[in-house]
Each structure stands twice: as structure tokens, then as C-alpha cells.
């Protein structure tokens, strides 16, 4: 009886001590230019592409991401989280961006932009919904949030 009780308690403690998993928002970047070069390190794969109009890339979450834009003229760089544009800059010359998944920050060479902390998966956050908070222009926020509630900004 004591062995059975001890096994039962051990099994329950192993199940209840499940480590919380960090869930990152889907991140991507977009570059618009008439002629520029974009180099990016995406989960260990370094790629260099010549862009003549636009380039959109989804970012994998294995590690930090470095993006270098070498512009020949005016180039627009956009950083997106959960398919929403959260940072835009016009590049003229060479600019390097680094996105850190663990801290959910984008560093553009001079400033670090924080997008809130990644959410923790407790096992019961399976559904996604829109934030719905009132925005400055009177509409409602369209950012997706897991498990209900508000987004990082609201």
C-alpha cells in the first residue's frame, strides 16, 4: 500500500512540475526598395539577397536574428510581430538590425525597441483572439493574443 501511494504521489508531482514553455509571437521583416541588398541570419542560416522591389521573410525562433540592409537609395524596413507592423524605418546606406527572441527586442544600431515579454504557455492557452482594446483613433486593436486578454501594448 505504501509503495502504491508513493508511486502515485511521485507520478502526480512529475506531471504537475511540467516546465512552462515560452511562446513567441510570429516575427517577420519586410524590405521595400528599388535596388538593395539584404543579408540575414535566420536560425543559423545566413542568406544574402538582392532586392529590386520587395522582400518579406518570416523569422524562425531558434536564436537571435541579424538583418543587414545595404541600400542604394531609399529603402523602407518594416518589422512585424503577429503579422502587425510594429517598427518602420527608412534606410539610406547600411543598417543592421538585431532581433532578440528571449527579450522580444529589436536593436537598430542606436535604439533598442521593446515589444513586451513573450507569453508563457501554461498548457491551457490554446485559443487565439483579438486584443479588442480601444485605440487612439476610436477603433479596436486587431493584434492576436493567445488565451484571451490584451496585447503587450494594452
N, C-alpha and C. Protein backbone atom coordinates (compact mmCIF):
# COMPACT_ATOMS: atom_id res chain seq x y z
N UNK A 1 0.82 -1.20 0.00
CA UNK A 1 0.00 0.00 0.00
C UNK A 1 0.86 1.26 0.00
N UNK A 2 1.92 1.25 0.85
CA UNK A 2 2.80 2.42 0.92
C UNK A 2 3.52 2.63 -0.40
N UNK A 3 3.94 1.53 -1.07
CA UNK A 3 4.62 1.64 -2.35
C UNK A 3 3.68 2.23 -3.41
N UNK A 4 2.45 1.77 -3.41
CA UNK A 4 1.48 2.28 -4.37
C UNK A 4 1.20 3.76 -4.14
N UNK A 5 1.05 4.12 -2.88
CA UNK A 5 0.82 5.53 -2.54
C UNK A 5 2.02 6.38 -2.93
N UNK A 6 3.22 5.89 -2.69
CA UNK A 6 4.44 6.62 -3.04
C UNK A 6 4.56 6.78 -4.55
N UNK A 7 4.26 5.74 -5.32
CA UNK A 7 4.28 5.82 -6.78
C UNK A 7 3.25 6.83 -7.29
N UNK A 8 2.08 6.82 -6.69
CA UNK A 8 1.02 7.74 -7.07
C UNK A 8 1.45 9.19 -6.82
N UNK A 9 2.03 9.47 -5.67
CA UNK A 9 2.49 10.82 -5.33
C UNK A 9 3.62 11.25 -6.25
N UNK A 10 4.54 10.35 -6.54
CA UNK A 10 5.64 10.66 -7.46
C UNK A 10 5.12 10.98 -8.85
N UNK A 11 4.16 10.20 -9.34
CA UNK A 11 3.59 10.44 -10.67
C UNK A 11 2.90 11.79 -10.73
N UNK A 12 2.15 12.13 -9.70
CA UNK A 12 1.45 13.42 -9.67
C UNK A 12 2.46 14.56 -9.64
N UNK A 13 3.51 14.42 -8.86
CA UNK A 13 4.50 15.51 -8.78
C UNK A 13 5.23 15.69 -10.10
N UNK A 14 5.50 14.61 -10.82
CA UNK A 14 6.16 14.73 -12.12
C UNK A 14 5.25 15.42 -13.13
N UNK A 15 3.98 15.09 -13.11
CA UNK A 15 3.03 15.71 -14.03
C UNK A 15 2.84 17.18 -13.71
N UNK A 16 2.74 17.53 -12.43
CA UNK A 16 2.47 18.91 -12.05
C UNK A 16 3.70 19.79 -12.16
N UNK A 17 4.90 19.24 -12.27
CA UNK A 17 6.12 20.03 -12.36
C UNK A 17 6.53 20.26 -13.80
N UNK A 18 5.60 20.17 -14.70
CA UNK A 18 5.89 20.39 -16.11
C UNK A 18 6.38 21.82 -16.32
N UNK A 19 7.50 21.96 -17.01
CA UNK A 19 8.10 23.27 -17.24
C UNK A 19 7.24 24.08 -18.20
N UNK A 20 7.04 25.36 -17.87
CA UNK A 20 6.29 26.24 -18.75
C UNK A 20 7.12 26.53 -19.99
N UNK A 21 6.48 26.55 -21.12
CA UNK A 21 7.15 26.80 -22.38
C UNK A 21 6.90 28.25 -22.80
N UNK A 22 7.96 28.93 -23.25
CA UNK A 22 7.80 30.29 -23.73
C UNK A 22 7.27 30.26 -25.15
N UNK A 23 6.22 31.00 -25.41
CA UNK A 23 5.63 31.08 -26.73
C UNK A 23 5.95 32.45 -27.30
N UNK A 24 6.61 32.48 -28.45
CA UNK A 24 6.98 33.74 -29.08
C UNK A 24 5.96 34.10 -30.16
N UNK A 25 5.74 35.40 -30.31
CA UNK A 25 4.87 35.85 -31.38
C UNK A 25 5.56 35.59 -32.72
N UNK A 26 4.80 35.28 -33.77
CA UNK A 26 5.41 35.14 -35.09
C UNK A 26 6.05 36.48 -35.50
N UNK A 27 7.33 36.44 -35.88
CA UNK A 27 8.04 37.66 -36.28
C UNK A 27 8.44 37.55 -37.75
N UNK A 28 8.49 38.70 -38.41
CA UNK A 28 8.93 38.74 -39.80
C UNK A 28 9.45 40.14 -40.10
N UNK A 29 10.10 40.28 -41.24
CA UNK A 29 10.52 41.60 -41.68
C UNK A 29 10.22 41.76 -43.15
N UNK A 30 10.09 43.01 -43.57
CA UNK A 30 9.83 43.33 -44.97
C UNK A 30 10.76 44.47 -45.38
N UNK A 31 11.29 44.40 -46.58
CA UNK A 31 12.14 45.44 -47.13
C UNK A 31 11.57 45.85 -48.47
N UNK A 32 11.39 47.15 -48.68
CA UNK A 32 10.92 47.67 -49.96
C UNK A 32 11.97 48.63 -50.50
N UNK A 33 12.45 48.38 -51.72
CA UNK A 33 13.45 49.25 -52.34
C UNK A 33 13.48 49.01 -53.83
N UNK A 34 14.11 49.93 -54.56
CA UNK A 34 14.27 49.73 -55.99
C UNK A 34 15.54 48.94 -56.29
N UNK A 35 16.52 49.02 -55.38
CA UNK A 35 17.75 48.24 -55.52
C UNK A 35 18.49 48.24 -54.18
N UNK A 36 18.53 47.10 -53.51
CA UNK A 36 19.24 46.99 -52.24
C UNK A 36 19.66 45.55 -52.01
N UNK A 37 20.53 45.35 -51.05
CA UNK A 37 20.98 44.01 -50.68
C UNK A 37 20.59 43.77 -49.24
N UNK A 38 20.05 42.60 -48.96
CA UNK A 38 19.63 42.24 -47.61
C UNK A 38 20.34 40.95 -47.22
N UNK A 39 21.05 41.00 -46.10
CA UNK A 39 21.66 39.80 -45.54
C UNK A 39 20.96 39.52 -44.22
N UNK A 40 20.65 38.26 -43.98
CA UNK A 40 20.00 37.93 -42.72
C UNK A 40 20.42 36.55 -42.25
N UNK A 41 20.53 36.44 -40.94
CA UNK A 41 20.84 35.18 -40.29
C UNK A 41 19.54 34.73 -39.63
N UNK A 42 18.97 33.66 -40.14
CA UNK A 42 17.66 33.21 -39.69
C UNK A 42 17.79 31.78 -39.17
N UNK A 43 17.89 31.65 -37.85
CA UNK A 43 18.03 30.33 -37.19
C UNK A 43 19.26 29.60 -37.70
N UNK A 44 20.36 30.32 -37.84
CA UNK A 44 21.61 29.71 -38.23
C UNK A 44 21.87 29.68 -39.72
N UNK A 45 20.91 30.03 -40.55
CA UNK A 45 21.08 30.07 -41.99
C UNK A 45 21.34 31.51 -42.42
N UNK A 46 22.54 31.78 -42.94
CA UNK A 46 22.86 33.13 -43.41
C UNK A 46 22.59 33.21 -44.90
N UNK A 47 21.79 34.20 -45.28
CA UNK A 47 21.36 34.36 -46.67
C UNK A 47 21.60 35.81 -47.08
N UNK A 48 22.04 36.02 -48.32
CA UNK A 48 22.15 37.37 -48.89
C UNK A 48 21.32 37.40 -50.16
N UNK A 49 20.43 38.39 -50.25
CA UNK A 49 19.57 38.50 -51.42
C UNK A 49 19.62 39.92 -51.97
N UNK A 50 19.56 40.03 -53.30
CA UNK A 50 19.43 41.33 -53.95
C UNK A 50 17.95 41.57 -54.17
N UNK A 51 17.48 42.72 -53.72
CA UNK A 51 16.05 43.03 -53.78
C UNK A 51 15.84 44.15 -54.81
N UNK A 52 14.87 43.98 -55.69
CA UNK A 52 14.57 45.01 -56.68
C UNK A 52 13.19 45.63 -56.48
N UNK A 53 12.40 45.10 -55.59
CA UNK A 53 11.13 45.75 -55.25
C UNK A 53 10.77 45.49 -53.79
N UNK A 54 10.52 44.23 -53.43
CA UNK A 54 10.20 43.95 -52.03
C UNK A 54 10.62 42.54 -51.65
N UNK A 55 10.85 42.36 -50.37
CA UNK A 55 11.23 41.07 -49.81
C UNK A 55 10.54 40.95 -48.45
N UNK A 56 9.86 39.84 -48.22
CA UNK A 56 9.23 39.56 -46.93
C UNK A 56 9.73 38.21 -46.46
N UNK A 57 10.21 38.15 -45.21
CA UNK A 57 10.72 36.90 -44.67
C UNK A 57 10.15 36.66 -43.28
N UNK A 58 9.67 35.44 -43.04
CA UNK A 58 9.28 35.02 -41.70
C UNK A 58 10.54 34.61 -40.96
N UNK A 59 10.60 34.90 -39.68
CA UNK A 59 11.78 34.60 -38.88
C UNK A 59 11.54 33.35 -38.05
N UNK A 60 12.53 32.47 -38.06
CA UNK A 60 12.46 31.27 -37.23
C UNK A 60 12.93 31.64 -35.84
N UNK A 61 12.55 30.86 -34.84
CA UNK A 61 12.76 31.26 -33.46
C UNK A 61 13.85 30.48 -32.74
N UNK A 62 14.80 29.92 -33.47
CA UNK A 62 15.83 29.14 -32.80
C UNK A 62 16.82 30.01 -32.04
N UNK A 63 17.06 31.20 -32.49
CA UNK A 63 18.02 32.09 -31.82
C UNK A 63 17.76 33.53 -32.27
N UNK A 64 18.66 34.41 -31.93
CA UNK A 64 18.52 35.80 -32.34
C UNK A 64 18.70 35.92 -33.85
N UNK A 65 18.16 36.98 -34.41
CA UNK A 65 18.22 37.19 -35.85
C UNK A 65 18.93 38.50 -36.13
N UNK A 66 19.86 38.48 -37.06
CA UNK A 66 20.52 39.69 -37.53
C UNK A 66 20.11 39.95 -38.96
N UNK A 67 19.71 41.20 -39.25
CA UNK A 67 19.35 41.61 -40.60
C UNK A 67 20.17 42.84 -40.95
N UNK A 68 20.89 42.80 -42.07
CA UNK A 68 21.64 43.97 -42.54
C UNK A 68 21.08 44.38 -43.89
N UNK A 69 20.68 45.64 -43.98
CA UNK A 69 20.14 46.20 -45.21
C UNK A 69 21.19 47.16 -45.76
N UNK A 70 21.63 46.93 -46.99
CA UNK A 70 22.54 47.84 -47.68
C UNK A 70 21.76 48.48 -48.81
N UNK A 71 21.41 49.74 -48.62
CA UNK A 71 20.51 50.42 -49.54
C UNK A 71 21.29 51.20 -50.60
N UNK A 72 20.74 51.23 -51.78
CA UNK A 72 21.22 52.11 -52.85
C UNK A 72 20.06 53.04 -53.12
N UNK A 73 19.96 54.09 -52.33
CA UNK A 73 18.80 54.96 -52.39
C UNK A 73 17.92 54.70 -51.18
N UNK A 74 16.69 55.09 -51.28
CA UNK A 74 15.78 55.00 -50.13
C UNK A 74 15.18 53.60 -50.05
N UNK A 75 15.28 53.02 -48.87
CA UNK A 75 14.75 51.68 -48.60
C UNK A 75 13.92 51.73 -47.34
N UNK A 76 12.78 51.07 -47.34
CA UNK A 76 11.93 51.00 -46.15
C UNK A 76 12.07 49.62 -45.52
N UNK A 77 12.40 49.59 -44.22
CA UNK A 77 12.50 48.35 -43.47
C UNK A 77 11.33 48.32 -42.49
N UNK A 78 10.59 47.21 -42.49
CA UNK A 78 9.47 47.04 -41.56
C UNK A 78 9.68 45.77 -40.76
N UNK A 79 9.43 45.88 -39.46
CA UNK A 79 9.50 44.71 -38.58
C UNK A 79 8.09 44.43 -38.10
N UNK A 80 7.67 43.16 -38.18
CA UNK A 80 6.30 42.79 -37.85
C UNK A 80 6.28 41.72 -36.77
N UNK A 81 5.32 41.83 -35.86
CA UNK A 81 5.05 40.80 -34.86
C UNK A 81 3.58 40.42 -34.98
N UNK A 82 3.30 39.14 -34.92
CA UNK A 82 1.94 38.63 -35.09
C UNK A 82 1.27 39.30 -36.29
N UNK A 83 2.05 39.42 -37.36
CA UNK A 83 1.58 39.94 -38.64
C UNK A 83 1.12 41.39 -38.56
N UNK A 84 1.54 42.12 -37.54
CA UNK A 84 1.24 43.55 -37.39
C UNK A 84 2.55 44.32 -37.43
N UNK A 85 2.59 45.39 -38.20
CA UNK A 85 3.78 46.23 -38.28
C UNK A 85 3.99 46.95 -36.95
N UNK A 86 5.17 46.78 -36.35
CA UNK A 86 5.44 47.43 -35.07
C UNK A 86 6.63 48.39 -35.13
N UNK A 87 7.40 48.35 -36.22
CA UNK A 87 8.56 49.23 -36.33
C UNK A 87 8.85 49.45 -37.81
N UNK A 88 9.05 50.70 -38.19
CA UNK A 88 9.37 51.05 -39.57
C UNK A 88 10.46 52.11 -39.57
N UNK A 89 11.41 51.98 -40.49
CA UNK A 89 12.47 52.97 -40.62
C UNK A 89 12.87 53.06 -42.09
N UNK A 90 13.25 54.26 -42.51
CA UNK A 90 13.78 54.47 -43.86
C UNK A 90 15.29 54.37 -43.77
N UNK A 91 15.87 53.52 -44.60
CA UNK A 91 17.31 53.27 -44.59
C UNK A 91 17.92 53.90 -45.83
N UNK A 92 19.04 54.60 -45.65
CA UNK A 92 19.80 55.12 -46.78
C UNK A 92 21.26 54.87 -46.45
N UNK A 93 21.83 53.81 -46.99
CA UNK A 93 23.18 53.38 -46.63
C UNK A 93 23.10 51.96 -46.10
N UNK A 94 23.85 51.67 -45.05
CA UNK A 94 23.83 50.33 -44.46
C UNK A 94 23.33 50.40 -43.03
N UNK A 95 22.41 49.52 -42.70
CA UNK A 95 21.82 49.48 -41.36
C UNK A 95 21.69 48.02 -40.94
N UNK A 96 22.08 47.73 -39.70
CA UNK A 96 21.96 46.37 -39.17
C UNK A 96 20.95 46.36 -38.04
N UNK A 97 20.07 45.37 -38.07
CA UNK A 97 19.05 45.19 -37.05
C UNK A 97 19.30 43.85 -36.38
N UNK A 98 19.07 43.79 -35.07
CA UNK A 98 19.16 42.52 -34.37
C UNK A 98 17.89 42.34 -33.55
N UNK A 99 17.24 41.19 -33.77
CA UNK A 99 16.04 40.86 -33.00
C UNK A 99 16.38 39.75 -32.02
N UNK A 100 16.07 39.97 -30.75
CA UNK A 100 16.34 39.02 -29.67
C UNK A 100 15.01 38.41 -29.22
N UNK A 101 14.82 37.13 -29.52
CA UNK A 101 13.56 36.46 -29.17
C UNK A 101 13.35 36.37 -27.67
N UNK A 102 14.44 36.16 -26.91
CA UNK A 102 14.29 35.96 -25.47
C UNK A 102 13.78 37.21 -24.76
N UNK A 103 14.19 38.39 -25.23
CA UNK A 103 13.74 39.62 -24.59
C UNK A 103 12.70 40.35 -25.43
N UNK A 104 12.40 39.82 -26.62
CA UNK A 104 11.42 40.42 -27.53
C UNK A 104 11.76 41.87 -27.83
N UNK A 105 13.03 42.10 -28.21
CA UNK A 105 13.51 43.45 -28.52
C UNK A 105 14.16 43.50 -29.89
N UNK A 106 14.09 44.66 -30.51
CA UNK A 106 14.74 44.92 -31.79
C UNK A 106 15.72 46.06 -31.57
N UNK A 107 16.99 45.82 -31.91
CA UNK A 107 18.02 46.86 -31.77
C UNK A 107 18.38 47.32 -33.17
N UNK A 108 18.30 48.64 -33.42
CA UNK A 108 18.55 49.15 -34.77
C UNK A 108 19.90 49.86 -34.90
N UNK A 109 20.82 49.59 -34.00
CA UNK A 109 22.13 50.19 -34.06
C UNK A 109 22.29 51.35 -33.10
N UNK A 110 21.20 52.04 -32.78
CA UNK A 110 21.27 53.16 -31.84
C UNK A 110 20.22 53.06 -30.74
N UNK A 111 19.10 52.41 -31.02
CA UNK A 111 18.00 52.34 -30.07
C UNK A 111 17.51 50.90 -29.96
N UNK A 112 17.11 50.51 -28.75
CA UNK A 112 16.50 49.21 -28.54
C UNK A 112 15.01 49.40 -28.34
N UNK A 113 14.22 48.72 -29.15
CA UNK A 113 12.76 48.80 -29.09
C UNK A 113 12.24 47.53 -28.44
N UNK A 114 11.50 47.68 -27.34
CA UNK A 114 10.97 46.54 -26.62
C UNK A 114 9.50 46.33 -27.00
N UNK A 115 9.13 45.08 -27.19
CA UNK A 115 7.76 44.75 -27.57
C UNK A 115 7.06 43.93 -26.49
N UNK A 116 7.48 44.09 -25.25
CA UNK A 116 6.87 43.35 -24.15
C UNK A 116 7.52 41.99 -23.97
N UNK A 117 7.13 41.28 -22.93
CA UNK A 117 7.73 39.98 -22.67
C UNK A 117 6.96 38.89 -23.40
N UNK A 118 7.68 37.86 -23.89
CA UNK A 118 6.98 36.74 -24.52
C UNK A 118 6.03 36.09 -23.52
N UNK A 119 4.97 35.50 -24.02
CA UNK A 119 3.98 34.89 -23.15
C UNK A 119 4.44 33.51 -22.72
N UNK A 120 3.96 33.06 -21.58
CA UNK A 120 4.27 31.73 -21.07
C UNK A 120 3.11 30.80 -21.40
N UNK A 121 3.44 29.62 -21.90
CA UNK A 121 2.42 28.63 -22.20
C UNK A 121 2.21 27.77 -20.96
N UNK A 122 1.04 27.85 -20.37
CA UNK A 122 0.75 27.06 -19.17
C UNK A 122 -0.04 25.81 -19.51
N UNK A 123 -0.18 25.53 -20.80
CA UNK A 123 -0.87 24.31 -21.20
C UNK A 123 -2.33 24.52 -21.51
N UNK A 124 -2.95 25.58 -21.00
CA UNK A 124 -4.37 25.80 -21.25
C UNK A 124 -4.61 26.97 -22.19
N UNK A 125 -3.56 27.55 -22.75
CA UNK A 125 -3.72 28.66 -23.68
C UNK A 125 -3.69 28.11 -25.10
N UNK A 126 -4.80 27.66 -25.58
CA UNK A 126 -4.83 27.04 -26.89
C UNK A 126 -5.53 27.91 -27.92
N UNK A 127 -6.36 28.84 -27.51
CA UNK A 127 -7.10 29.64 -28.47
C UNK A 127 -6.47 31.02 -28.61
N UNK A 128 -6.67 31.62 -29.78
CA UNK A 128 -6.20 32.97 -30.04
C UNK A 128 -7.42 33.85 -30.28
N UNK A 129 -7.31 35.10 -29.84
CA UNK A 129 -8.37 36.05 -30.11
C UNK A 129 -7.74 37.41 -30.32
N UNK A 130 -8.54 38.37 -30.76
CA UNK A 130 -8.03 39.72 -30.96
C UNK A 130 -8.07 40.48 -29.65
N UNK A 131 -7.11 41.40 -29.48
CA UNK A 131 -7.00 42.18 -28.26
C UNK A 131 -8.30 42.95 -27.99
N UNK A 132 -8.74 43.73 -28.97
CA UNK A 132 -10.01 44.44 -28.86
C UNK A 132 -9.97 45.74 -28.08
N UNK A 133 -8.81 46.13 -27.51
CA UNK A 133 -8.74 47.38 -26.74
C UNK A 133 -8.99 48.58 -27.66
N UNK A 134 -9.55 49.64 -27.09
CA UNK A 134 -9.83 50.85 -27.87
C UNK A 134 -8.52 51.53 -28.23
N UNK A 135 -8.37 51.92 -29.49
CA UNK A 135 -7.18 52.61 -29.96
C UNK A 135 -7.41 54.12 -29.97
N UNK A 136 -6.34 54.88 -30.20
CA UNK A 136 -6.44 56.34 -30.21
C UNK A 136 -7.43 56.85 -31.24
N UNK A 137 -7.51 56.17 -32.39
CA UNK A 137 -8.42 56.63 -33.44
C UNK A 137 -9.86 56.14 -33.25
N UNK A 138 -10.13 55.47 -32.13
CA UNK A 138 -11.51 55.06 -31.82
C UNK A 138 -11.85 53.65 -32.26
N UNK A 139 -10.95 52.99 -32.99
CA UNK A 139 -11.20 51.63 -33.43
C UNK A 139 -10.82 50.64 -32.33
N UNK A 140 -10.72 49.38 -32.72
CA UNK A 140 -10.29 48.37 -31.74
C UNK A 140 -9.01 47.72 -32.23
N UNK A 141 -8.15 47.36 -31.29
CA UNK A 141 -6.85 46.74 -31.58
C UNK A 141 -7.08 45.38 -32.22
N UNK A 142 -6.36 45.10 -33.30
CA UNK A 142 -6.54 43.86 -34.05
C UNK A 142 -5.45 42.83 -33.78
N UNK A 143 -4.54 43.10 -32.82
CA UNK A 143 -3.47 42.15 -32.53
C UNK A 143 -4.05 40.85 -31.96
N UNK A 144 -3.44 39.72 -32.37
CA UNK A 144 -3.87 38.43 -31.85
C UNK A 144 -3.20 38.18 -30.50
N UNK A 145 -3.96 37.66 -29.57
CA UNK A 145 -3.43 37.28 -28.27
C UNK A 145 -3.85 35.85 -27.99
N UNK A 146 -2.96 35.10 -27.37
CA UNK A 146 -3.27 33.70 -27.05
C UNK A 146 -3.99 33.64 -25.71
N UNK A 147 -5.05 32.88 -25.65
CA UNK A 147 -5.76 32.65 -24.41
C UNK A 147 -6.61 33.82 -23.95
N UNK A 148 -6.89 34.77 -24.82
CA UNK A 148 -7.71 35.93 -24.44
C UNK A 148 -6.89 37.01 -23.77
N UNK A 149 -7.55 38.06 -23.34
CA UNK A 149 -6.86 39.16 -22.67
C UNK A 149 -6.40 40.23 -23.65
N UNK A 150 -5.43 41.03 -23.23
CA UNK A 150 -4.94 42.15 -24.02
C UNK A 150 -3.55 41.88 -24.56
N UNK A 151 -3.14 42.65 -25.59
CA UNK A 151 -1.82 42.51 -26.17
C UNK A 151 -0.79 43.25 -25.31
N UNK A 152 0.48 43.19 -25.73
CA UNK A 152 1.58 43.80 -24.95
C UNK A 152 1.41 45.30 -24.79
N UNK A 153 0.74 45.96 -25.72
CA UNK A 153 0.63 47.42 -25.65
C UNK A 153 -0.55 47.87 -24.80
N UNK A 154 -1.55 47.03 -24.66
CA UNK A 154 -2.75 47.43 -23.92
C UNK A 154 -2.89 46.64 -22.65
